[in-house]
Amino acid sequence: MSHDGVYSRQRTEFKGSFASDMASMSLAGTGTPLGIVQSMTLTFGQQIARIYDVSNGGTGGQAGGKVPIFYVGGRTTGQATIARILGPSSGTLTAFYAELGNVCSPQDLAFTFRAGCGAVAGSRPTKIASTTGESQFFGNGQYNSTKYTLIASVMTNLQVTVASQDMLVNESVTLMFANLECVDGGQGGGGG
């Protein structure tokens, strides 16, 4: 008996699902509220120079016909942007600016991401019959977490915009940071 898909495309197999809305952001070691955060973008790059040997064109010698290339690692640079909406929870803007705007006292900013179905209360494993006839379970009460820490963050730019159509006051804060740490939080059980 043939089990072709309706559209005769490559066959797929369900391997699980996850929710990615278990995210939080905080200033390390303080209780300063961050307000209504809409998005966060971080970029962390490293300078790498490519060095060639102009005296060796790869025509012979020890290079064996290949042009040698060297990578030289330089400094790292980090930048992040936090977009917020100013609203009822924005009464502590001056505290936020004081925490992140002082170049003499940079702060660590932590962003934790958790994904999985296990962290959602009442979630239950989904039973799926595999192509071999055996039952498999997915979404079995587990979630994975990853924590990014922006080391020595300091605010470099502040932008506030508002449009007459929706009257939402949008704020965008640009930060620079010295280093980025990433910690795998491993798996944890859910509330099911």
N, C-alpha and C. Protein backbone atom coordinates (compact mmCIF):
# COMPACT_ATOMS: atom_id res chain seq x y z
N MET A 1 0.84 -1.17 0.00
CA MET A 1 0.00 0.00 0.00
C MET A 1 0.89 1.24 0.00
N SER A 2 0.65 2.14 -0.91
CA SER A 2 1.47 3.34 -1.03
C SER A 2 0.97 4.42 -0.09
N HIS A 3 1.93 5.15 0.49
CA HIS A 3 1.60 6.25 1.40
C HIS A 3 2.17 7.55 0.86
N ASP A 4 1.88 7.87 -0.39
CA ASP A 4 2.40 9.09 -0.99
C ASP A 4 1.67 10.30 -0.41
N GLY A 5 2.42 11.39 -0.30
CA GLY A 5 1.82 12.63 0.17
C GLY A 5 0.88 13.20 -0.87
N VAL A 6 -0.03 14.06 -0.44
CA VAL A 6 -1.02 14.64 -1.34
C VAL A 6 -0.35 15.40 -2.47
N TYR A 7 0.70 16.14 -2.17
CA TYR A 7 1.36 16.94 -3.19
C TYR A 7 2.58 16.28 -3.81
N SER A 8 2.80 15.01 -3.52
CA SER A 8 3.90 14.23 -4.10
C SER A 8 5.24 14.93 -3.93
N ARG A 9 5.47 15.47 -2.73
CA ARG A 9 6.74 16.10 -2.43
C ARG A 9 7.55 15.19 -1.52
N GLN A 10 8.71 15.67 -1.13
CA GLN A 10 9.56 14.90 -0.24
C GLN A 10 8.81 14.62 1.05
N ARG A 11 8.91 13.39 1.53
CA ARG A 11 8.18 13.00 2.73
C ARG A 11 8.81 13.65 3.96
N THR A 12 7.97 14.06 4.87
CA THR A 12 8.43 14.67 6.11
C THR A 12 8.00 13.82 7.29
N GLU A 13 8.68 14.01 8.41
CA GLU A 13 8.36 13.28 9.62
C GLU A 13 8.39 14.26 10.79
N PHE A 14 7.31 14.32 11.56
CA PHE A 14 7.23 15.21 12.70
C PHE A 14 8.22 14.77 13.77
N LYS A 15 9.07 15.69 14.21
CA LYS A 15 10.09 15.37 15.19
C LYS A 15 9.94 16.14 16.48
N GLY A 16 8.90 16.91 16.62
CA GLY A 16 8.68 17.61 17.87
C GLY A 16 8.31 19.06 17.65
N SER A 17 7.97 19.73 18.72
CA SER A 17 7.62 21.13 18.67
C SER A 17 8.18 21.83 19.90
N PHE A 18 8.27 23.14 19.82
CA PHE A 18 8.77 23.89 20.97
C PHE A 18 8.19 25.29 20.94
N ALA A 19 8.09 25.88 22.10
CA ALA A 19 7.68 27.27 22.24
C ALA A 19 8.91 28.08 22.59
N SER A 20 9.08 29.21 21.95
CA SER A 20 10.28 30.01 22.17
C SER A 20 9.98 31.34 22.87
N ASP A 21 8.89 31.38 23.61
CA ASP A 21 8.52 32.64 24.25
C ASP A 21 8.96 32.72 25.70
N MET A 22 9.81 31.80 26.14
CA MET A 22 10.32 31.83 27.50
C MET A 22 11.64 32.57 27.53
N ALA A 23 11.60 33.88 27.36
CA ALA A 23 12.82 34.68 27.33
C ALA A 23 12.73 35.77 28.38
N SER A 24 13.88 36.12 28.93
CA SER A 24 13.91 37.21 29.92
C SER A 24 15.22 37.97 29.79
N MET A 25 15.18 39.23 30.17
CA MET A 25 16.37 40.06 30.10
C MET A 25 16.45 40.86 31.39
N SER A 26 17.64 41.01 31.94
CA SER A 26 17.79 41.73 33.20
C SER A 26 19.18 42.34 33.29
N LEU A 27 19.28 43.38 34.09
CA LEU A 27 20.58 43.93 34.43
C LEU A 27 21.13 43.09 35.56
N ALA A 28 22.31 42.54 35.38
CA ALA A 28 22.89 41.64 36.37
C ALA A 28 23.11 42.36 37.69
N GLY A 29 22.61 41.76 38.77
CA GLY A 29 22.87 42.29 40.10
C GLY A 29 22.05 43.48 40.53
N THR A 30 21.06 43.90 39.70
CA THR A 30 20.23 45.04 40.10
C THR A 30 18.76 44.69 39.89
N GLY A 31 17.91 45.49 40.48
CA GLY A 31 16.48 45.31 40.29
C GLY A 31 15.88 46.36 39.40
N THR A 32 16.71 47.06 38.64
CA THR A 32 16.22 48.12 37.76
C THR A 32 15.34 47.54 36.67
N PRO A 33 14.06 47.94 36.59
CA PRO A 33 13.19 47.41 35.54
C PRO A 33 13.61 47.89 34.17
N LEU A 34 13.39 47.05 33.18
CA LEU A 34 13.77 47.39 31.81
C LEU A 34 12.61 47.96 31.01
N GLY A 35 11.41 47.97 31.56
CA GLY A 35 10.27 48.52 30.83
C GLY A 35 9.68 47.50 29.87
N ILE A 36 8.96 48.01 28.87
CA ILE A 36 8.28 47.15 27.89
C ILE A 36 9.22 46.94 26.71
N VAL A 37 10.04 45.92 26.79
CA VAL A 37 11.04 45.64 25.75
C VAL A 37 10.35 44.93 24.58
N GLN A 38 10.52 45.47 23.39
CA GLN A 38 9.92 44.90 22.19
C GLN A 38 10.88 44.02 21.40
N SER A 39 12.15 44.40 21.40
CA SER A 39 13.12 43.59 20.67
C SER A 39 14.52 43.89 21.19
N MET A 40 15.39 42.95 20.94
CA MET A 40 16.80 43.13 21.29
C MET A 40 17.65 42.52 20.18
N THR A 41 18.65 43.23 19.77
CA THR A 41 19.58 42.74 18.75
C THR A 41 20.98 42.90 19.29
N LEU A 42 21.77 41.84 19.19
CA LEU A 42 23.17 41.97 19.60
C LEU A 42 24.08 41.45 18.50
N THR A 43 25.20 42.13 18.37
CA THR A 43 26.22 41.77 17.38
C THR A 43 27.56 41.74 18.08
N PHE A 44 28.28 40.65 17.89
CA PHE A 44 29.60 40.51 18.49
C PHE A 44 30.55 40.00 17.41
N GLY A 45 31.54 40.79 17.06
CA GLY A 45 32.43 40.43 15.97
C GLY A 45 33.88 40.46 16.40
N GLN A 46 34.71 39.84 15.61
CA GLN A 46 36.14 39.87 15.85
C GLN A 46 36.85 40.30 14.57
N GLN A 47 37.90 41.07 14.74
CA GLN A 47 38.70 41.52 13.61
C GLN A 47 39.69 40.42 13.24
N ILE A 48 39.66 40.01 12.00
CA ILE A 48 40.61 39.00 11.52
C ILE A 48 41.23 39.51 10.23
N ALA A 49 42.54 39.61 10.22
CA ALA A 49 43.27 40.06 9.02
C ALA A 49 43.75 38.84 8.25
N ARG A 50 43.59 38.91 6.93
CA ARG A 50 44.13 37.87 6.05
C ARG A 50 45.49 38.34 5.54
N ILE A 51 46.52 37.57 5.77
CA ILE A 51 47.87 37.96 5.39
C ILE A 51 48.39 36.99 4.32
N TYR A 52 48.86 37.56 3.24
CA TYR A 52 49.47 36.77 2.16
C TYR A 52 50.95 37.08 2.08
N ASP A 53 51.71 36.18 1.50
CA ASP A 53 53.14 36.37 1.31
C ASP A 53 53.38 36.76 -0.14
N VAL A 54 53.72 38.03 -0.36
CA VAL A 54 53.87 38.52 -1.73
C VAL A 54 55.08 37.88 -2.42
N SER A 55 56.02 37.34 -1.63
CA SER A 55 57.19 36.73 -2.25
C SER A 55 56.94 35.30 -2.68
N ASN A 56 55.77 34.76 -2.38
CA ASN A 56 55.46 33.39 -2.76
C ASN A 56 54.13 33.39 -3.51
N GLY A 57 54.21 33.23 -4.82
CA GLY A 57 53.02 33.22 -5.65
C GLY A 57 52.45 31.83 -5.84
N GLY A 58 52.97 30.87 -5.10
CA GLY A 58 52.47 29.51 -5.23
C GLY A 58 52.97 28.78 -6.45
N THR A 59 54.06 29.25 -7.03
CA THR A 59 54.57 28.63 -8.26
C THR A 59 55.57 27.52 -7.99
N GLY A 60 55.89 27.30 -6.76
CA GLY A 60 56.85 26.24 -6.47
C GLY A 60 57.30 26.30 -5.04
N GLY A 61 58.44 25.69 -4.78
CA GLY A 61 58.99 25.69 -3.43
C GLY A 61 58.16 24.83 -2.49
N GLN A 62 58.22 25.15 -1.22
CA GLN A 62 57.55 24.33 -0.21
C GLN A 62 56.03 24.45 -0.26
N ALA A 63 55.52 25.51 -0.88
CA ALA A 63 54.08 25.70 -0.92
C ALA A 63 53.39 24.67 -1.79
N GLY A 64 54.14 24.00 -2.66
CA GLY A 64 53.54 22.97 -3.51
C GLY A 64 52.53 23.52 -4.49
N GLY A 65 52.74 24.73 -4.96
CA GLY A 65 51.81 25.32 -5.92
C GLY A 65 50.64 26.05 -5.30
N LYS A 66 50.57 26.09 -3.97
CA LYS A 66 49.46 26.77 -3.30
C LYS A 66 49.98 28.05 -2.64
N VAL A 67 49.17 29.09 -2.72
CA VAL A 67 49.54 30.36 -2.11
C VAL A 67 49.26 30.29 -0.61
N PRO A 68 50.23 30.54 0.25
CA PRO A 68 49.99 30.49 1.69
C PRO A 68 49.17 31.69 2.17
N ILE A 69 48.31 31.43 3.13
CA ILE A 69 47.48 32.48 3.72
C ILE A 69 47.53 32.31 5.24
N PHE A 70 47.55 33.43 5.93
CA PHE A 70 47.59 33.41 7.39
C PHE A 70 46.43 34.24 7.92
N TYR A 71 45.85 33.79 9.01
CA TYR A 71 44.83 34.56 9.72
C TYR A 71 45.46 35.15 10.98
N VAL A 72 45.24 36.44 11.18
CA VAL A 72 45.74 37.10 12.38
C VAL A 72 44.55 37.67 13.14
N GLY A 73 44.33 37.14 14.35
CA GLY A 73 43.20 37.58 15.15
C GLY A 73 43.46 38.91 15.82
N GLY A 74 42.48 39.79 15.73
CA GLY A 74 42.59 41.11 16.34
C GLY A 74 41.61 41.27 17.50
N ARG A 75 41.10 42.44 17.67
CA ARG A 75 40.21 42.77 18.78
C ARG A 75 38.77 42.37 18.49
N THR A 76 38.00 42.25 19.56
CA THR A 76 36.57 41.98 19.43
C THR A 76 35.77 43.26 19.69
N THR A 77 34.61 43.35 19.07
CA THR A 77 33.72 44.49 19.29
C THR A 77 32.29 43.98 19.43
N GLY A 78 31.56 44.59 20.33
CA GLY A 78 30.18 44.20 20.55
C GLY A 78 29.25 45.39 20.56
N GLN A 79 28.06 45.21 20.00
CA GLN A 79 27.05 46.25 19.99
C GLN A 79 25.68 45.60 20.15
N ALA A 80 24.80 46.25 20.87
CA ALA A 80 23.45 45.75 21.09
C ALA A 80 22.46 46.90 20.98
N THR A 81 21.24 46.58 20.59
CA THR A 81 20.16 47.55 20.51
C THR A 81 18.95 46.99 21.25
N ILE A 82 18.39 47.80 22.12
CA ILE A 82 17.17 47.42 22.84
C ILE A 82 16.08 48.40 22.43
N ALA A 83 14.97 47.88 21.89
CA ALA A 83 13.84 48.71 21.50
C ALA A 83 12.73 48.53 22.53
N ARG A 84 12.24 49.65 23.05
CA ARG A 84 11.20 49.60 24.07
C ARG A 84 10.06 50.54 23.71
N ILE A 85 8.91 50.30 24.33
CA ILE A 85 7.78 51.21 24.24
C ILE A 85 7.64 51.86 25.60
N LEU A 86 7.57 53.18 25.62
CA LEU A 86 7.42 53.90 26.88
C LEU A 86 5.96 53.84 27.30
N GLY A 87 5.74 53.37 28.52
CA GLY A 87 4.38 53.21 29.01
C GLY A 87 4.34 53.23 30.51
N PRO A 88 3.33 52.56 31.10
CA PRO A 88 3.16 52.59 32.55
C PRO A 88 4.37 52.10 33.34
N SER A 89 5.13 51.16 32.78
CA SER A 89 6.28 50.62 33.51
C SER A 89 7.56 51.38 33.20
N SER A 90 7.44 52.56 32.62
CA SER A 90 8.63 53.35 32.25
C SER A 90 8.94 54.45 33.24
N GLY A 91 8.42 54.35 34.45
CA GLY A 91 8.65 55.38 35.45
C GLY A 91 10.06 55.42 35.99
N THR A 92 10.85 54.42 35.67
CA THR A 92 12.23 54.37 36.16
C THR A 92 13.24 54.57 35.04
N LEU A 93 12.88 55.37 34.05
CA LEU A 93 13.80 55.62 32.94
C LEU A 93 15.11 56.21 33.42
N THR A 94 15.03 57.14 34.36
CA THR A 94 16.27 57.77 34.83
C THR A 94 17.17 56.77 35.52
N ALA A 95 16.59 55.79 36.22
CA ALA A 95 17.41 54.76 36.86
C ALA A 95 18.08 53.88 35.80
N PHE A 96 17.36 53.56 34.73
CA PHE A 96 17.92 52.77 33.64
C PHE A 96 19.06 53.52 32.97
N TYR A 97 18.84 54.81 32.69
CA TYR A 97 19.88 55.61 32.05
C TYR A 97 21.10 55.76 32.96
N ALA A 98 20.85 55.89 34.26
CA ALA A 98 21.96 56.02 35.20
C ALA A 98 22.78 54.73 35.26
N GLU A 99 22.08 53.58 35.16
CA GLU A 99 22.78 52.28 35.21
C GLU A 99 23.64 52.07 33.97
N LEU A 100 23.09 52.36 32.80
CA LEU A 100 23.77 52.03 31.55
C LEU A 100 24.44 53.21 30.86
N GLY A 101 24.18 54.42 31.31
CA GLY A 101 24.74 55.59 30.63
C GLY A 101 26.05 56.08 31.19
N ASN A 102 26.50 55.53 32.30
CA ASN A 102 27.72 55.99 32.93
C ASN A 102 28.92 55.21 32.40
N VAL A 103 29.76 55.87 31.63
CA VAL A 103 30.92 55.20 31.04
C VAL A 103 31.91 54.74 32.11
N CYS A 104 31.86 55.35 33.28
CA CYS A 104 32.77 54.97 34.36
C CYS A 104 32.26 53.77 35.16
N SER A 105 31.04 53.33 34.88
CA SER A 105 30.47 52.21 35.61
C SER A 105 29.65 51.32 34.69
N PRO A 106 30.31 50.64 33.73
CA PRO A 106 29.57 49.77 32.81
C PRO A 106 28.92 48.60 33.56
N GLN A 107 27.81 48.12 33.01
CA GLN A 107 27.03 47.07 33.65
C GLN A 107 26.98 45.82 32.78
N ASP A 108 26.79 44.67 33.43
CA ASP A 108 26.56 43.42 32.70
C ASP A 108 25.06 43.29 32.43
N LEU A 109 24.72 42.91 31.21
CA LEU A 109 23.33 42.74 30.80
C LEU A 109 23.14 41.28 30.42
N ALA A 110 22.18 40.62 31.04
CA ALA A 110 21.97 39.19 30.81
C ALA A 110 20.67 38.96 30.04
N PHE A 111 20.73 38.08 29.04
CA PHE A 111 19.56 37.69 28.26
C PHE A 111 19.48 36.17 28.28
N THR A 112 18.39 35.65 28.81
CA THR A 112 18.21 34.20 28.93
C THR A 112 17.09 33.75 28.01
N PHE A 113 17.38 32.75 27.21
CA PHE A 113 16.41 32.20 26.26
C PHE A 113 16.13 30.76 26.64
N ARG A 114 14.87 30.41 26.79
CA ARG A 114 14.49 29.03 27.05
C ARG A 114 13.49 28.60 25.99
N ALA A 115 13.69 27.42 25.45
CA ALA A 115 12.78 26.91 24.43
C ALA A 115 12.42 25.47 24.76
N GLY A 116 11.18 25.14 24.52
CA GLY A 116 10.71 23.79 24.75
C GLY A 116 9.25 23.81 25.14
N CYS A 117 8.64 22.67 25.15
CA CYS A 117 7.23 22.58 25.55
C CYS A 117 7.10 22.24 27.02
N GLY A 118 8.17 21.80 27.64
CA GLY A 118 8.09 21.36 29.02
C GLY A 118 7.87 22.48 30.01
N ALA A 119 8.27 23.71 29.67
CA ALA A 119 8.15 24.80 30.62
C ALA A 119 6.75 25.37 30.69
N VAL A 120 5.87 24.93 29.81
CA VAL A 120 4.50 25.42 29.79
C VAL A 120 3.65 24.54 30.70
N ALA A 121 2.99 25.16 31.66
CA ALA A 121 2.19 24.40 32.62
C ALA A 121 1.12 23.59 31.90
N GLY A 122 0.99 22.35 32.30
CA GLY A 122 -0.03 21.48 31.74
C GLY A 122 0.32 20.83 30.42
N SER A 123 1.54 21.04 29.92
CA SER A 123 1.89 20.43 28.64
C SER A 123 2.08 18.92 28.83
N ARG A 124 1.70 18.20 27.82
CA ARG A 124 1.82 16.75 27.86
C ARG A 124 2.55 16.27 26.62
N PRO A 125 3.23 15.14 26.73
CA PRO A 125 3.92 14.62 25.55
C PRO A 125 2.94 14.30 24.43
N THR A 126 3.37 14.53 23.21
CA THR A 126 2.58 14.20 22.05
C THR A 126 3.00 12.83 21.55
N LYS A 127 2.04 11.93 21.38
CA LYS A 127 2.35 10.58 20.93
C LYS A 127 2.21 10.53 19.41
N ILE A 128 3.28 10.14 18.76
CA ILE A 128 3.31 10.07 17.30
C ILE A 128 3.69 8.65 16.89
N ALA A 129 2.93 8.08 15.97
CA ALA A 129 3.28 6.76 15.44
C ALA A 129 4.30 6.95 14.34
N SER A 130 5.45 6.32 14.47
CA SER A 130 6.50 6.46 13.46
C SER A 130 6.19 5.57 12.27
N THR A 131 7.02 5.71 11.23
CA THR A 131 6.82 4.91 10.02
C THR A 131 7.06 3.43 10.27
N THR A 132 7.78 3.09 11.38
CA THR A 132 8.02 1.68 11.69
C THR A 132 6.92 1.09 12.54
N GLY A 133 5.93 1.91 12.90
CA GLY A 133 4.83 1.42 13.71
C GLY A 133 5.03 1.61 15.20
N GLU A 134 6.23 2.01 15.62
CA GLU A 134 6.48 2.23 17.04
C GLU A 134 5.99 3.62 17.44
N SER A 135 5.56 3.75 18.68
CA SER A 135 5.11 5.05 19.17
C SER A 135 6.29 5.83 19.71
N GLN A 136 6.34 7.10 19.38
CA GLN A 136 7.38 7.98 19.88
C GLN A 136 6.72 9.16 20.57
N PHE A 137 7.41 9.72 21.55
CA PHE A 137 6.86 10.84 22.30
C PHE A 137 7.73 12.07 22.09
N PHE A 138 7.08 13.20 21.89
CA PHE A 138 7.78 14.46 21.70
C PHE A 138 7.20 15.49 22.66
N GLY A 139 7.94 16.55 22.96
CA GLY A 139 7.48 17.56 23.89
C GLY A 139 7.31 16.97 25.27
N ASN A 140 8.30 16.20 25.71
CA ASN A 140 8.16 15.39 26.91
C ASN A 140 8.62 16.09 28.18
N GLY A 141 8.19 17.31 28.37
CA GLY A 141 8.47 17.99 29.62
C GLY A 141 9.90 18.47 29.79
N GLN A 142 10.59 18.75 28.70
CA GLN A 142 11.97 19.24 28.78
C GLN A 142 12.08 20.59 28.08
N TYR A 143 13.00 21.40 28.52
CA TYR A 143 13.32 22.62 27.81
C TYR A 143 14.83 22.85 27.91
N ASN A 144 15.36 23.55 26.95
CA ASN A 144 16.77 23.91 26.95
C ASN A 144 16.88 25.41 27.17
N SER A 145 17.95 25.83 27.83
CA SER A 145 18.13 27.26 28.07
C SER A 145 19.55 27.68 27.69
N THR A 146 19.66 28.91 27.25
CA THR A 146 20.94 29.52 26.91
C THR A 146 20.95 30.93 27.48
N LYS A 147 22.05 31.29 28.11
CA LYS A 147 22.16 32.62 28.71
C LYS A 147 23.31 33.37 28.05
N TYR A 148 22.99 34.55 27.50
CA TYR A 148 23.98 35.44 26.93
C TYR A 148 24.21 36.57 27.93
N THR A 149 25.47 36.87 28.24
CA THR A 149 25.79 37.98 29.12
C THR A 149 26.68 38.96 28.40
N LEU A 150 26.20 40.19 28.27
CA LEU A 150 26.96 41.27 27.65
C LEU A 150 27.80 41.91 28.75
N ILE A 151 29.10 41.70 28.68
CA ILE A 151 30.00 42.16 29.73
C ILE A 151 30.35 43.64 29.53
N ALA A 152 30.23 44.40 30.58
CA ALA A 152 30.60 45.82 30.60
C ALA A 152 29.84 46.62 29.54
N SER A 153 28.52 46.59 29.62
CA SER A 153 27.68 47.33 28.67
C SER A 153 27.59 48.79 29.07
N VAL A 154 27.61 49.65 28.08
CA VAL A 154 27.43 51.08 28.32
C VAL A 154 26.63 51.67 27.15
N MET A 155 25.71 52.57 27.46
CA MET A 155 24.83 53.16 26.46
C MET A 155 25.60 54.19 25.64
N THR A 156 25.48 54.09 24.30
CA THR A 156 26.16 55.04 23.41
C THR A 156 25.20 55.92 22.63
N ASN A 157 23.92 55.51 22.55
CA ASN A 157 22.98 56.29 21.76
C ASN A 157 21.56 56.06 22.29
N LEU A 158 20.76 57.10 22.24
CA LEU A 158 19.36 57.04 22.67
C LEU A 158 18.51 57.74 21.62
N GLN A 159 17.44 57.05 21.17
CA GLN A 159 16.56 57.62 20.17
C GLN A 159 15.12 57.42 20.63
N VAL A 160 14.32 58.48 20.56
CA VAL A 160 12.90 58.43 20.92
C VAL A 160 12.10 58.91 19.73
N THR A 161 11.09 58.11 19.32
CA THR A 161 10.25 58.47 18.18
C THR A 161 8.79 58.26 18.55
N VAL A 162 7.93 59.02 17.90
CA VAL A 162 6.49 58.86 18.07
C VAL A 162 5.82 59.23 16.76
N ALA A 163 4.75 58.51 16.42
CA ALA A 163 3.98 58.79 15.21
C ALA A 163 2.56 59.17 15.62
N SER A 164 1.95 60.08 14.89
CA SER A 164 0.63 60.58 15.26
C SER A 164 -0.47 59.53 15.07
N GLN A 165 -0.24 58.52 14.24
CA GLN A 165 -1.28 57.52 13.99
C GLN A 165 -1.56 56.67 15.23
N ASP A 166 -0.51 56.13 15.86
CA ASP A 166 -0.73 55.24 17.00
C ASP A 166 -0.33 55.85 18.33
N MET A 167 0.39 56.95 18.31
CA MET A 167 0.84 57.66 19.52
C MET A 167 1.64 56.76 20.46
N LEU A 168 2.32 55.77 19.92
CA LEU A 168 3.24 54.95 20.72
C LEU A 168 4.59 55.65 20.75
N VAL A 169 5.09 55.83 21.94
CA VAL A 169 6.41 56.45 22.09
C VAL A 169 7.44 55.32 22.11
N ASN A 170 8.21 55.24 21.05
CA ASN A 170 9.21 54.18 20.89
C ASN A 170 10.58 54.71 21.28
N GLU A 171 11.30 53.91 22.02
CA GLU A 171 12.65 54.27 22.43
C GLU A 171 13.61 53.19 21.94
N SER A 172 14.75 53.60 21.45
CA SER A 172 15.78 52.67 21.02
C SER A 172 17.09 53.06 21.69
N VAL A 173 17.68 52.12 22.40
CA VAL A 173 18.94 52.33 23.11
C VAL A 173 20.02 51.50 22.43
N THR A 174 21.12 52.12 22.08
CA THR A 174 22.26 51.41 21.52
C THR A 174 23.34 51.29 22.58
N LEU A 175 23.88 50.09 22.72
CA LEU A 175 24.91 49.81 23.72
C LEU A 175 26.16 49.29 23.05
N MET A 176 27.29 49.53 23.66
CA MET A 176 28.50 48.82 23.29
C MET A 176 28.90 47.96 24.48
N PHE A 177 29.55 46.84 24.21
CA PHE A 177 30.00 45.98 25.30
C PHE A 177 31.35 45.39 24.96
N ALA A 178 32.06 44.97 26.01
CA ALA A 178 33.45 44.53 25.85
C ALA A 178 33.58 43.07 25.46
N ASN A 179 32.70 42.23 25.99
CA ASN A 179 32.82 40.80 25.72
C ASN A 179 31.45 40.17 25.82
N LEU A 180 31.31 39.00 25.22
CA LEU A 180 30.04 38.27 25.25
C LEU A 180 30.30 36.87 25.78
N GLU A 181 29.56 36.51 26.81
CA GLU A 181 29.64 35.15 27.36
C GLU A 181 28.36 34.41 27.03
N CYS A 182 28.50 33.14 26.74
CA CYS A 182 27.35 32.30 26.43
C CYS A 182 27.45 31.03 27.28
N VAL A 183 26.41 30.76 28.05
CA VAL A 183 26.38 29.60 28.91
C VAL A 183 25.19 28.74 28.54
N ASP A 184 25.44 27.47 28.27
CA ASP A 184 24.38 26.53 28.01
C ASP A 184 23.79 26.09 29.33
N GLY A 185 22.52 26.39 29.55
CA GLY A 185 21.88 26.05 30.80
C GLY A 185 21.44 24.60 30.90
N GLY A 186 21.57 23.86 29.82
CA GLY A 186 21.18 22.45 29.84
C GLY A 186 19.68 22.28 29.81
N GLN A 187 19.25 21.09 30.12
CA GLN A 187 17.84 20.77 30.08
C GLN A 187 17.25 20.86 31.46
N GLY A 188 15.98 21.22 31.50
CA GLY A 188 15.26 21.28 32.75
C GLY A 188 13.88 20.70 32.59
N GLY A 189 13.28 20.36 33.69
CA GLY A 189 11.94 19.79 33.65
C GLY A 189 10.91 20.87 33.53
N GLY A 190 9.75 20.50 33.08
CA GLY A 190 8.67 21.45 32.88
C GLY A 190 7.66 21.40 33.97
N GLY A 191 6.69 22.23 33.84
CA GLY A 191 5.64 22.28 34.82
C GLY A 191 4.43 21.54 34.38
N GLY A 192 4.53 20.27 34.07
CA GLY A 192 3.39 19.55 33.56
C GLY A 192 3.14 18.41 34.43
